[in-house]
Protein backbone atom coordinates (compact mmCIF):
# COMPACT_ATOMS: atom_id res chain seq x y z
CA MET A 1 0.00 0.00 0.00
CA ARG A 2 2.84 2.40 0.80
CA ILE A 3 4.52 1.62 -2.49
CA LEU A 4 1.30 2.43 -4.37
CA LEU A 5 0.97 5.70 -2.48
CA PHE A 6 4.60 6.56 -3.22
CA VAL A 7 4.08 5.83 -6.94
CA LEU A 8 0.94 8.01 -7.05
CA LEU A 9 2.77 10.83 -5.29
CA PHE A 10 5.68 10.59 -7.72
CA LEU A 11 3.34 10.57 -10.75
CA SER A 12 1.44 13.62 -9.48
CA PHE A 13 4.72 15.47 -8.88
CA ALA A 14 5.91 14.57 -12.39
CA TYR A 15 2.58 15.74 -13.84
CA ALA A 16 2.83 19.05 -11.99
CA LEU A 17 6.40 19.55 -13.19
CA GLY A 18 5.27 18.81 -16.76
CA LEU A 19 2.46 21.40 -16.45
CA VAL A 20 4.85 24.06 -15.24
CA LEU A 21 7.39 23.36 -18.00
CA ALA A 22 4.82 23.07 -20.82
CA ASN A 23 2.86 26.18 -19.79
CA ASN A 24 5.53 28.72 -18.99
CA THR A 25 3.72 31.85 -20.17
CA GLU A 26 3.07 34.60 -17.68
CA ILE A 27 -0.57 35.62 -17.23
CA GLY A 28 -2.50 37.96 -14.97
CA VAL A 29 -5.47 36.71 -12.97
CA ASN A 30 -8.57 38.85 -12.54
CA LEU A 31 -10.48 37.88 -9.35
CA LEU A 32 -13.43 40.24 -10.07
CA PHE A 33 -12.79 42.49 -7.05
CA SER A 34 -9.00 42.38 -7.13
CA GLN A 35 -6.15 41.61 -9.45
CA ALA A 36 -3.59 38.90 -8.64
CA PRO A 37 -0.02 39.47 -9.79
CA THR A 38 1.08 37.83 -13.00
CA MET A 39 2.17 34.22 -12.55
CA ASN A 40 3.18 31.19 -14.53
CA LEU A 41 0.22 29.44 -16.19
CA GLY A 42 1.43 25.99 -15.14
CA LEU A 43 1.72 27.13 -11.52
CA LEU A 44 -1.79 28.58 -11.70
CA LEU A 45 -3.10 25.28 -13.06
CA ILE A 46 -1.41 23.36 -10.23
CA LEU A 47 -2.79 25.74 -7.59
CA CYS A 48 -6.31 25.39 -9.03
CA LEU A 49 -5.95 21.61 -9.15
CA ILE A 50 -4.77 21.42 -5.53
CA LEU A 51 -7.51 23.81 -4.39
CA GLY A 52 -10.14 21.70 -6.19
CA ILE A 53 -8.83 18.48 -4.63
CA VAL A 54 -8.84 19.97 -1.12
CA ILE A 55 -12.35 21.40 -1.47
CA GLY A 56 -13.59 18.12 -2.96
CA MET A 57 -12.10 16.12 -0.07
CA LEU A 58 -13.65 18.44 2.51
CA LEU A 59 -17.07 18.20 0.86
CA ALA A 60 -16.76 14.42 0.61
CA LEU A 61 -15.93 14.21 4.32
CA LEU A 62 -18.88 16.45 5.16
CA ILE A 63 -21.28 14.41 3.03
CA PHE A 64 -19.91 11.17 4.49
CA ARG A 65 -20.42 12.49 8.01
CA VAL A 66 -24.01 13.50 7.21
CA LEU A 67 -24.71 10.06 5.72
CA GLN A 68 -23.06 8.38 8.70
CA ASN A 69 -25.32 10.35 11.07
CA LYS A 70 -28.40 9.39 9.03
CA TRP A 71 -27.40 5.72 9.16
CA GLU A 72 -26.88 5.96 12.92
CA ILE A 73 -30.27 7.64 13.42
CA SER A 74 -31.95 4.96 11.32
CA ARG A 75 -30.24 2.18 13.29
CA LEU A 76 -31.24 3.75 16.61
CA GLN A 77 -34.85 4.17 15.47
CA LYS A 78 -35.02 0.49 14.52
CA GLU A 79 -33.51 -0.46 17.88
CA ASN A 80 -36.02 1.81 19.64
CA ILE A 81 -38.94 0.10 17.84
CA HIS A 82 -37.53 -3.32 18.79
CA LEU A 83 -37.18 -2.29 22.46
CA GLN A 84 -40.73 -0.88 22.49
CA GLU A 85 -42.02 -4.22 21.17
CA GLN A 86 -40.11 -6.05 23.90
CA LEU A 87 -41.55 -3.67 26.51
CA THR A 88 -45.07 -4.27 25.22
CA GLN A 89 -44.58 -8.04 25.36
CA ALA A 90 -43.17 -7.79 28.88
CA ASN A 91 -46.17 -5.69 29.99
CA VAL A 92 -48.55 -8.30 28.53
CA VAL A 93 -46.75 -11.06 30.46
CA ILE A 94 -46.88 -9.00 33.67
CA ASP A 95 -50.61 -8.33 33.20
CA ARG A 96 -51.27 -12.03 32.65
CA GLN A 97 -49.34 -12.92 35.78
CA ALA A 98 -51.13 -10.23 37.80
CA ASN A 99 -54.56 -11.38 36.65
CA SER A 100 -53.87 -15.09 36.98
CA PRO A 101 -55.65 -16.82 39.87
CA THR A 102 -53.71 -17.23 43.08
CA VAL A 103 -53.27 -20.57 44.82
CA GLU A 104 -56.05 -19.79 47.34
CA GLU A 105 -58.47 -18.84 44.57
CA ALA A 106 -57.59 -22.00 42.68
CA VAL A 107 -58.15 -24.20 45.77
CA TYR A 108 -61.19 -22.51 47.34
CA GLY A 109 -62.72 -20.96 44.24
CA SER A 110 -63.03 -17.29 43.35
CA GLY A 111 -66.21 -16.64 45.43
CA ALA A 112 -65.17 -18.48 48.59
CA THR A 113 -63.11 -16.81 51.24
CA THR A 114 -60.70 -18.46 53.58
CA PRO A 115 -60.68 -17.61 57.26
CA ASN A 116 -57.63 -15.35 56.80
CA THR A 117 -59.12 -13.38 53.93
CA ALA A 118 -62.47 -13.03 55.75
CA ALA A 119 -60.67 -11.45 58.70
CA LEU A 120 -58.83 -9.10 56.40
CA THR A 121 -61.97 -7.95 54.66
CA VAL A 122 -63.73 -7.36 57.97
CA ASP A 123 -60.79 -5.35 59.25
CA LYS A 124 -60.55 -3.28 56.05
CA GLU A 125 -64.22 -2.32 55.96
CA PRO A 126 -64.18 0.00 58.97
CA LEU A 127 -60.95 1.61 57.84
CA LEU A 128 -62.31 2.32 54.39
CA SER A 129 -65.56 3.73 55.73
CA LYS A 130 -63.66 5.88 58.24
CA HIS A 131 -61.54 7.36 55.44
CA LYS A 132 -64.60 7.99 53.32
CA ARG A 133 -66.22 10.01 56.11
CA ASP A 134 -63.23 12.38 56.41
């Protein structure tokens, strides 16, 4: 990989040197609001090429970062939906367990009361009526 990078760097340097040598005329650059001093045409071409590469790389990084954020948001939304489904299923299981008959109800029936539950209901009645009066 380093050898390939070295070869590409050497070829780009050779290309830039060829541009400078082949285009050795001096030209002036008009920047609309100002005038740049006269410079070699090959050097101007190299500067424009480098500026274009740098701006292109910065824009590519910006676009990649935006796409990466969109992918992350999409992944998190899918995970959120999956977790909400798991929560719903867990709530259904909890509701089933809460509404399932207890051992006493299964043994004595839902209408019958055991001696312990009868005592509890008798004790709760006066407390509830006392709180209702206040």
